[in-house]
Protein backbone atom coordinates (compact mmCIF):
# COMPACT_ATOMS: atom_id res chain seq x y z
CA MET A 1 48.24 62.47 -47.53
CA ASP A 2 48.63 63.09 -43.98
CA GLN A 3 45.89 62.31 -41.32
CA LEU A 4 44.62 65.93 -41.57
CA ASP A 5 44.51 66.32 -45.08
CA THR A 6 42.60 62.80 -44.97
CA PHE A 7 40.58 64.01 -42.19
CA LEU A 8 39.44 67.64 -44.29
CA LYS A 9 38.67 65.43 -47.27
CA LEU A 10 36.16 63.40 -45.79
CA ILE A 11 34.36 65.99 -43.79
CA ASN A 12 34.37 68.16 -46.91
CA THR A 13 33.01 65.61 -48.59
CA SER A 14 30.28 64.68 -46.01
CA TYR A 15 27.06 66.42 -47.27
CA SER A 16 24.72 63.81 -45.33
CA GLN A 17 24.62 60.83 -43.44
CA PHE A 18 24.03 58.43 -46.60
CA HIS A 19 27.73 60.53 -47.70
CA VAL A 20 29.58 60.00 -44.38
CA ILE A 21 29.23 56.42 -44.09
CA ASP A 22 30.05 55.60 -48.13
CA ASN A 23 33.05 57.74 -47.16
CA VAL A 24 33.92 55.27 -44.49
CA LYS A 25 32.90 52.48 -46.63
CA GLN A 26 35.21 53.59 -49.18
CA LEU A 27 38.50 54.09 -46.94
CA LEU A 28 37.24 50.43 -45.29
CA LEU A 29 37.79 49.01 -49.04
CA ASP A 30 40.90 50.47 -49.66
CA ASN A 31 41.94 49.14 -46.78
CA GLY A 32 41.33 45.66 -47.69
CA PHE A 33 38.47 45.05 -45.41
CA ILE A 34 35.33 42.85 -46.79
CA GLU A 35 32.06 44.10 -47.15
CA VAL A 36 29.06 41.62 -46.10
CA PHE A 37 25.70 42.12 -45.70
CA ASP A 38 22.91 42.50 -43.33
CA ASN A 39 20.80 39.99 -44.40
CA ASN A 40 23.04 37.36 -45.38
CA LEU A 41 25.48 37.12 -43.31
CA ASN A 42 26.48 33.53 -42.78
CA TYR A 43 30.25 33.40 -42.82
CA LEU A 44 33.04 34.82 -41.21
CA GLU A 45 36.90 33.58 -41.44
CA LYS A 46 39.39 34.52 -38.42
CA GLY A 47 42.36 36.76 -39.50
CA LYS A 48 40.07 38.63 -41.90
CA ASN A 49 38.52 42.39 -41.50
CA TYR A 50 34.69 43.16 -42.43
CA PHE A 51 31.87 45.63 -42.63
CA LEU A 52 28.31 45.81 -42.98
CA THR A 53 25.79 48.79 -43.39
CA ARG A 54 21.84 49.39 -42.75
CA ASN A 55 19.90 51.51 -44.17
CA ASP A 56 22.92 53.30 -46.17
CA SER A 57 23.77 55.60 -43.13
CA SER A 58 24.83 53.36 -40.39
CA ILE A 59 27.76 51.12 -40.50
CA ILE A 60 29.25 47.96 -37.88
CA ALA A 61 32.87 47.29 -38.96
CA PHE A 62 34.99 44.49 -37.23
CA LYS A 63 38.69 43.25 -37.24
CA ILE A 64 39.00 39.42 -36.05
CA PRO A 65 42.30 38.13 -35.07
CA LYS A 66 43.38 34.63 -36.52
CA GLU A 67 43.93 33.22 -32.96
CA ILE A 68 40.84 33.38 -30.81
CA ASN A 69 39.32 31.56 -28.61
CA ASN A 70 37.86 33.50 -25.61
CA ILE A 71 35.83 35.96 -27.31
CA SER A 72 35.02 39.22 -26.26
CA PHE A 73 34.85 42.51 -27.87
CA LEU A 74 36.65 46.47 -27.71
CA LEU A 75 34.04 48.93 -29.62
CA SER A 76 33.07 53.01 -30.06
CA ALA A 77 30.04 53.91 -31.15
CA SER A 78 29.65 57.72 -32.75
CA HIS A 79 26.98 58.93 -35.40
CA SER A 80 26.74 60.19 -38.51
CA ASP A 81 24.28 62.58 -38.66
CA SER A 82 23.76 66.38 -37.62
CA PRO A 83 21.06 69.10 -37.14
CA THR A 84 20.17 70.16 -40.26
CA PHE A 85 16.37 70.48 -42.52
CA LYS A 86 15.01 67.69 -44.35
CA LEU A 87 12.90 68.48 -48.02
CA LYS A 88 9.51 67.45 -47.41
CA PRO A 89 8.31 65.07 -50.02
CA ASN A 90 6.14 67.54 -52.58
CA PRO A 91 8.87 70.51 -51.36
CA LEU A 92 8.18 72.93 -53.93
CA ILE A 93 6.41 76.19 -53.11
CA ASN A 94 5.43 78.66 -55.99
CA LYS A 95 4.92 82.12 -53.55
CA ASP A 96 4.68 85.37 -55.50
CA ASN A 97 7.51 85.69 -57.63
CA TYR A 98 9.60 82.60 -55.92
CA LEU A 99 10.43 79.13 -55.88
CA GLN A 100 11.26 77.61 -52.45
CA LEU A 101 11.93 74.36 -51.10
CA ASN A 102 9.49 73.02 -47.95
CA VAL A 103 11.78 71.90 -45.40
CA GLU A 104 11.29 70.79 -41.61
CA PRO A 105 13.87 70.82 -38.65
CA TYR A 106 16.11 67.64 -38.19
CA GLY A 107 17.38 67.72 -34.89
CA GLY A 108 18.22 70.79 -32.38
CA GLY A 109 20.30 73.52 -34.62
CA ILE A 110 21.25 76.83 -33.87
CA TYR A 111 18.33 78.33 -36.37
CA SER A 112 20.01 81.66 -36.98
CA THR A 113 23.07 80.32 -37.74
CA TRP A 114 21.71 78.75 -41.63
CA LEU A 115 20.23 82.22 -42.34
CA ASP A 116 22.36 84.29 -45.22
CA LYS A 117 24.72 81.41 -46.46
CA PRO A 118 24.71 79.29 -49.93
CA LEU A 119 23.26 76.19 -48.97
CA SER A 120 22.38 73.26 -51.57
CA ILE A 121 20.87 69.78 -51.13
CA ALA A 122 22.40 66.43 -50.70
CA GLY A 123 21.42 62.93 -49.40
CA ARG A 124 19.77 60.02 -51.14
CA VAL A 125 17.15 59.67 -54.17
CA ILE A 126 15.12 56.19 -54.92
CA VAL A 127 14.86 55.99 -58.28
CA LYS A 128 12.68 53.08 -60.28
CA ASN A 129 13.89 51.49 -64.22
CA ASN A 130 11.68 49.53 -65.15
CA ILE A 131 11.05 46.49 -62.36
CA LYS A 132 14.18 48.01 -60.32
CA ILE A 133 14.12 50.40 -57.65
CA GLU A 134 17.92 51.92 -56.68
CA THR A 135 18.81 53.93 -54.23
CA LYS A 136 21.00 56.95 -55.85
CA LEU A 137 23.89 59.26 -53.78
CA LEU A 138 23.22 62.93 -54.43
CA ASN A 139 25.15 65.82 -53.93
CA ILE A 140 24.08 68.98 -55.92
CA ASN A 141 27.36 70.73 -56.41
CA LYS A 142 26.48 74.65 -56.75
CA ASP A 143 25.15 77.11 -54.11
CA LEU A 144 21.45 76.44 -55.04
CA LEU A 145 19.88 78.10 -52.03
CA ILE A 146 19.53 80.34 -49.18
CA ILE A 147 17.50 82.06 -46.37
CA PRO A 148 17.25 85.54 -46.22
CA ASN A 149 16.65 87.25 -43.36
CA LEU A 150 14.20 89.84 -43.03
CA CYS A 151 15.67 93.61 -43.28
CA ILE A 152 16.28 95.01 -39.72
CA HIS A 153 14.41 97.84 -40.96
CA PHE A 154 11.00 95.36 -40.90
CA ASN A 155 12.20 93.86 -37.81
CA ARG A 156 13.90 96.13 -35.66
CA ASN A 157 13.96 94.19 -32.40
CA ILE A 158 15.67 91.58 -33.83
CA ASN A 159 18.96 91.94 -31.97
CA GLN A 160 17.20 92.05 -28.75
CA GLY A 161 16.20 88.54 -29.72
CA TYR A 162 13.86 86.50 -31.95
CA ALA A 163 12.27 82.95 -32.06
CA TYR A 164 12.27 81.58 -35.45
CA ASN A 165 9.39 80.26 -36.92
CA PRO A 166 10.70 77.04 -38.94
CA SER A 167 7.69 77.14 -41.46
CA LYS A 168 8.00 80.62 -41.97
CA ASP A 169 11.37 82.27 -41.12
CA LEU A 170 13.48 79.48 -42.43
CA ILE A 171 12.19 78.16 -45.70
CA PRO A 172 15.06 78.36 -48.53
CA ILE A 173 14.84 80.14 -52.08
CA LEU A 174 15.28 78.16 -54.79
CA GLY A 175 15.15 80.73 -57.69
CA LEU A 176 12.87 83.04 -59.57
CA ASN A 177 9.08 81.44 -60.94
CA ASP A 178 10.27 82.25 -64.54
CA VAL A 179 10.54 78.46 -65.32
CA PHE A 180 7.31 77.14 -66.77
CA CYS A 181 6.17 73.98 -64.78
CA PHE A 182 9.26 73.67 -62.82
CA ASN A 183 9.30 69.78 -62.49
CA PHE A 184 11.99 68.66 -59.39
CA LYS A 185 11.73 65.43 -59.64
CA LYS A 186 13.28 66.00 -63.11
CA PHE A 187 15.96 68.40 -61.74
CA LEU A 188 17.10 65.35 -59.34
CA LEU A 189 17.01 62.93 -62.33
CA ASP A 190 19.31 65.60 -64.32
CA ALA A 191 21.47 66.17 -61.52
CA LEU A 192 21.62 62.09 -61.36
CA HIS A 193 22.45 62.36 -64.79
CA LEU A 194 19.59 59.98 -65.65
CA ASP A 195 17.34 59.92 -68.05
CA PHE A 196 13.70 61.18 -67.36
CA LYS A 197 12.13 58.78 -70.16
CA THR A 198 13.55 55.43 -68.48
CA HIS A 199 13.46 56.72 -65.22
CA GLU A 200 11.70 57.68 -61.90
CA VAL A 201 11.92 59.13 -58.87
CA LEU A 202 9.77 57.53 -56.15
CA SER A 203 10.70 59.22 -53.32
CA PHE A 204 14.05 60.74 -52.04
CA ASP A 205 15.72 61.47 -48.41
CA LEU A 206 17.57 64.76 -48.72
CA TYR A 207 18.66 67.65 -46.29
CA LEU A 208 20.31 71.07 -46.53
CA TYR A 209 23.95 71.53 -46.16
CA LEU A 210 26.34 74.47 -45.64
CA ARG A 211 28.21 75.11 -48.87
CA GLU A 212 31.27 76.30 -46.24
CA GLU A 213 34.47 73.73 -46.25
CA ALA A 214 36.38 73.29 -43.29
CA LYS A 215 38.93 75.78 -41.90
CA ILE A 216 42.23 75.99 -40.47
CA ILE A 217 41.32 79.38 -37.95
CA GLY A 218 43.55 81.14 -35.30
CA LEU A 219 46.43 83.20 -34.46
CA ASN A 220 48.74 79.67 -34.49
CA SER A 221 46.23 77.56 -36.46
CA ASP A 222 44.94 76.62 -33.19
CA PHE A 223 41.55 75.51 -34.40
CA ILE A 224 39.13 73.61 -37.03
CA GLY A 225 36.21 75.37 -38.25
CA SER A 226 33.95 73.67 -40.17
CA PRO A 227 29.96 71.86 -40.49
CA LYS A 228 29.31 69.17 -38.93
CA LEU A 229 31.97 68.90 -36.24
CA ASP A 230 29.27 67.30 -34.39
CA ASN A 231 29.91 64.22 -34.47
CA LEU A 232 32.22 63.70 -37.79
CA ALA A 233 34.69 64.82 -35.87
CA SER A 234 34.32 61.53 -33.67
CA VAL A 235 33.48 59.79 -36.90
CA TYR A 236 36.85 59.95 -38.75
CA SER A 237 39.08 60.02 -35.91
CA MET A 238 38.20 56.92 -34.62
CA LEU A 239 38.19 55.63 -38.21
CA ILE A 240 41.81 56.30 -38.51
CA GLY A 241 43.09 55.58 -35.38
CA PHE A 242 40.85 51.67 -35.86
CA LEU A 243 42.88 51.43 -39.22
CA ASN A 244 45.67 51.84 -37.70
CA SER A 245 45.50 49.57 -34.65
CA LYS A 246 46.44 45.81 -34.32
CA ASN A 247 44.86 43.60 -31.61
CA ASP A 248 45.72 39.76 -31.74
CA ASP A 249 43.38 39.00 -28.56
CA GLN A 250 40.02 40.72 -28.67
CA ILE A 251 37.59 41.61 -31.56
CA THR A 252 38.14 45.56 -32.34
CA VAL A 253 34.46 46.84 -33.18
CA TYR A 254 33.90 50.39 -34.90
CA SER A 255 30.30 51.40 -35.38
CA VAL A 256 28.87 54.74 -36.56
CA PHE A 257 24.66 54.74 -36.10
CA ASP A 258 22.28 57.34 -37.67
CA ASN A 259 19.49 59.27 -36.16
CA GLU A 260 21.21 60.38 -32.63
CA GLU A 261 20.14 63.95 -32.95
CA VAL A 262 16.50 62.88 -33.37
CA GLY A 263 16.44 60.03 -30.55
CA SER A 264 18.17 56.66 -32.38
CA LEU A 265 14.71 54.94 -32.05
CA THR A 266 14.94 53.67 -35.77
CA ARG A 267 15.87 50.21 -37.18
CA GLN A 268 19.98 51.90 -38.10
CA GLY A 269 20.00 53.96 -34.58
CA ALA A 270 21.80 52.91 -31.79
CA ASN A 271 18.81 51.92 -29.83
CA SER A 272 18.27 49.47 -32.49
CA THR A 273 19.30 46.31 -32.93
CA PHE A 274 21.83 46.73 -35.51
CA LEU A 275 24.64 46.21 -32.90
CA LYS A 276 23.23 43.31 -30.92
CA ASP A 277 22.29 41.12 -34.40
CA THR A 278 25.82 41.78 -35.12
CA LEU A 279 27.53 40.85 -32.30
CA LYS A 280 25.49 37.91 -31.73
CA ARG A 281 26.14 36.89 -35.64
CA ILE A 282 30.11 37.16 -34.86
CA VAL A 283 29.82 35.25 -32.05
CA ASN A 284 27.59 32.27 -33.79
CA LEU A 285 29.42 32.47 -37.03
CA LEU A 286 32.96 31.59 -34.86
CA ASN A 287 30.84 28.40 -33.38
CA GLY A 288 29.84 29.90 -30.18
CA ASN A 289 26.51 29.88 -28.37
CA GLU A 290 24.10 32.15 -26.85
CA ILE A 291 25.96 31.51 -23.44
CA ASP A 292 29.22 32.56 -25.23
CA TYR A 293 27.52 35.74 -26.38
CA ILE A 294 26.47 36.67 -22.81
CA ASN A 295 30.11 36.01 -21.21
CA ALA A 296 31.50 37.72 -24.26
CA ILE A 297 29.54 41.16 -23.62
CA GLN A 298 30.07 40.96 -19.82
CA LYS A 299 33.72 40.95 -20.88
CA SER A 300 33.66 43.79 -23.40
CA PHE A 301 34.28 47.55 -23.32
CA LEU A 302 32.25 50.45 -25.13
CA ILE A 303 33.71 54.16 -25.74
CA SER A 304 30.80 56.41 -26.57
CA VAL A 305 32.20 59.21 -29.15
CA ASP A 306 30.38 62.06 -29.16
CA ASN A 307 32.07 66.31 -28.90
CA ALA A 308 31.96 67.44 -25.51
CA HIS A 309 31.23 71.10 -24.51
CA ALA A 310 34.54 73.79 -24.58
CA THR A 311 34.03 76.38 -21.77
CA HIS A 312 33.01 79.19 -24.31
CA PRO A 313 35.32 82.56 -23.13
CA ASN A 314 32.30 84.85 -23.24
CA TYR A 315 30.03 82.64 -21.60
CA LEU A 316 32.25 81.51 -18.71
CA GLU A 317 29.15 81.36 -16.71
CA TYR A 318 27.87 78.31 -17.94
CA GLN A 319 30.78 76.03 -17.00
CA ASP A 320 30.95 73.65 -14.06
CA GLN A 321 32.65 76.13 -11.39
CA THR A 322 35.60 72.56 -11.07
CA SER A 323 35.45 70.95 -14.41
CA PRO A 324 35.97 73.67 -16.84
CA VAL A 325 37.16 72.20 -20.49
CA VAL A 326 39.45 73.92 -22.46
CA LEU A 327 40.34 73.21 -25.72
CA ASN A 328 43.72 71.32 -27.58
CA LYS A 329 44.10 70.80 -23.47
CA GLY A 330 42.80 67.32 -23.93
CA ILE A 331 39.75 64.48 -24.92
CA ALA A 332 36.99 65.18 -22.14
CA ILE A 333 35.69 62.13 -20.47
CA LYS A 334 32.21 63.08 -19.77
CA TYR A 335 30.11 62.05 -16.94
CA ASN A 336 26.50 62.99 -15.38
CA ALA A 337 24.77 61.65 -12.19
CA ASN A 338 21.88 60.63 -14.05
CA GLN A 339 23.53 58.82 -16.38
CA SER A 340 22.70 61.27 -19.74
CA TYR A 341 26.67 59.56 -20.48
CA THR A 342 27.88 56.29 -19.19
CA SER A 343 30.99 57.26 -17.60
CA ASP A 344 31.22 56.04 -13.52
CA GLY A 345 34.52 55.62 -11.51
CA PHE A 346 35.12 51.96 -12.86
CA SER A 347 34.88 52.26 -16.40
CA SER A 348 36.72 55.94 -16.08
CA SER A 349 39.17 54.41 -14.74
CA ILE A 350 39.91 51.99 -18.02
CA LEU A 351 39.72 55.20 -20.31
CA LYS A 352 42.79 56.82 -17.88
CA TYR A 353 44.84 53.70 -18.16
CA VAL A 354 44.59 54.25 -21.91
CA PHE A 355 45.10 57.73 -21.89
CA GLU A 356 48.46 57.03 -19.91
CA LYS A 357 49.56 54.62 -22.39
CA ALA A 358 48.65 56.84 -24.72
CA HIS A 359 50.96 59.55 -23.47
CA LEU A 360 47.98 61.46 -23.66
CA GLU A 361 46.28 64.29 -21.32
CA TYR A 362 42.57 64.47 -20.46
CA GLN A 363 39.95 66.33 -19.36
CA GLU A 364 36.82 65.85 -17.05
CA PHE A 365 33.37 67.20 -18.21
CA THR A 366 30.31 67.58 -16.49
CA ASN A 367 27.55 70.14 -17.01
CA ARG A 368 26.77 72.92 -13.70
CA SER A 369 24.54 71.37 -11.53
CA ASP A 370 21.32 73.27 -12.85
CA LEU A 371 21.98 73.05 -16.18
CA ARG A 372 20.47 70.04 -18.25
CA GLY A 373 23.36 68.71 -21.48
CA GLY A 374 22.67 66.46 -24.15
CA SER A 375 22.49 62.53 -23.94
CA THR A 376 24.82 60.33 -26.64
CA LEU A 377 25.09 56.82 -27.84
CA GLY A 378 26.45 55.02 -24.83
CA ASN A 379 23.41 54.88 -22.65
CA ILE A 380 21.24 54.52 -25.65
CA SER A 381 23.22 51.48 -27.22
CA ASN A 382 22.85 49.71 -23.15
CA SER A 383 19.09 49.69 -23.58
CA GLU A 384 19.99 46.46 -26.42
CA VAL A 385 23.20 45.44 -25.71
CA SER A 386 24.49 45.83 -21.89
CA ILE A 387 28.56 46.18 -22.08
CA LEU A 388 30.67 48.21 -19.44
CA SER A 389 30.63 51.32 -21.17
CA ALA A 390 32.21 54.90 -20.99
CA ASP A 391 31.45 58.66 -22.97
CA ILE A 392 34.44 60.95 -23.96
CA GLY A 393 34.78 63.68 -26.79
CA ILE A 394 36.97 66.47 -27.70
CA PRO A 395 35.58 69.57 -27.04
CA GLN A 396 34.12 72.37 -29.32
CA LEU A 397 32.29 75.73 -29.09
CA ALA A 398 28.88 76.21 -30.88
CA MET A 399 27.86 72.99 -31.05
CA HIS A 400 24.68 72.34 -33.32
CA SER A 401 25.50 75.57 -35.23
CA SER A 402 25.56 75.28 -38.99
CA PHE A 403 29.87 75.77 -38.34
CA GLU A 404 31.47 74.65 -35.57
CA LEU A 405 34.37 74.78 -33.61
CA CYS A 406 37.47 72.47 -32.08
CA GLY A 407 40.64 72.07 -31.26
CA GLN A 408 43.13 71.22 -33.99
CA LYS A 409 45.51 69.37 -31.28
CA ASP A 410 42.25 67.69 -29.40
CA LEU A 411 41.73 66.08 -33.19
CA PHE A 412 45.01 64.47 -33.41
CA ASP A 413 44.95 63.26 -29.81
CA LEU A 414 41.42 61.46 -30.51
CA MET A 415 42.99 59.56 -33.45
CA LYS A 416 46.34 58.75 -31.44
CA PHE A 417 43.41 57.47 -28.21
CA SER A 418 41.70 55.66 -31.18
CA GLN A 419 44.74 54.03 -32.48
CA VAL A 420 46.06 53.18 -28.94
CA PHE A 421 42.91 51.82 -27.38
CA TYR A 422 42.17 49.45 -30.13
CA SER A 423 45.43 47.99 -29.56
CA THR A 424 44.79 47.39 -25.68
CA PHE A 425 43.97 43.99 -24.67
CA ILE A 426 41.41 44.75 -22.09
CA ASN A 427 40.30 41.93 -19.63
CA ILE A 428 37.36 42.80 -17.77
CA HIS A 429 36.35 40.40 -14.76
CA GLU A 430 33.66 41.89 -12.58
CA ASN A 431 35.26 44.79 -10.49
CA LYS A 432 38.97 44.23 -11.87
CA VAL A 433 40.55 44.56 -14.94
CA ILE A 434 43.86 43.35 -16.61
CA PHE A 435 45.51 44.78 -19.30
CA LYS A 436 47.89 43.60 -22.06
């Protein structure tokens, strides 16, 4: 299976952030990584590769060289979540002749793109079986739900703009209310192939997802259209490069965090102690102390990998006048004077060295000066781990739509960049860098 096929298979099975991490976990296991556990990480061996998860929705993987005395890290961070709608704890709505599911927005999505399309639900279900509580991955693999638009005859100004009310306009229809006493929890158990008599659904984290799969699009197959390209394009491209890399001098770290779309302030988010806890334990288990950890962090380098805004041909006025970013013209280095992105002159110069080494072109992105852009993982993770950082991402259109667009060449460029980055020894000393 080639890299594009691998990417498409992964993204087409990324029904929720829990499925994303399960996909990453399985690929790591297939490549000889050893799973360790967040509550019992007490042994590491040089020359081995490891990973651990938190909340089933974030993951950190790392490779330890066989011979390493002067510890430092090369890291990347991306995120597993995307804007969607989350089911409420008691989701069933019985209205007139319809069964509906009560949902609330997760993240800042483009609401209109979710209407009139086949949807389903996926995530995790927490089940009790006698004295044991277990977490089960769930994907209802059918066209289960739809959010119909109101016909234009009753809303004749829809094409002049409409403010969707999530509590009214965005409630999906599950079916007709001709099912006697429909039991939603039994429905979930049936989907999990569990017996209602011996198992009980205690709770769940379930989300809507678009049923449409990724597609190659364009006259010359230039583009990839898919749900959740932000930020699964980064998650899977960086993973493929990470797995294909080799570095005998530094510990390489691949991390994916949940909840970036809602601020990252969770125990599994980039603003948690997950990364700091893991890096500290790596240093300690390699016979280092607190001073060794602090020194290692100051010699380390992190890239925050999250998609960038491409120039839109219908809205050229929104691009910065000297920093247009075009699909399939290279990965974007992202800058912001107010530090929504962490790239500065020094950290971006390290990126440019890696781009040159990989024989890849790059672009430089800034927002138009009077427009506020998004933030990402680099500056958030720095609140807990103060590592020299820079932000990059492949350009995309329709960010936060239910179906997004990126360049196929850019995807391959990010895979290659990841492999070269993770294979490069980057030795940082204050304001100078030595490469190997």
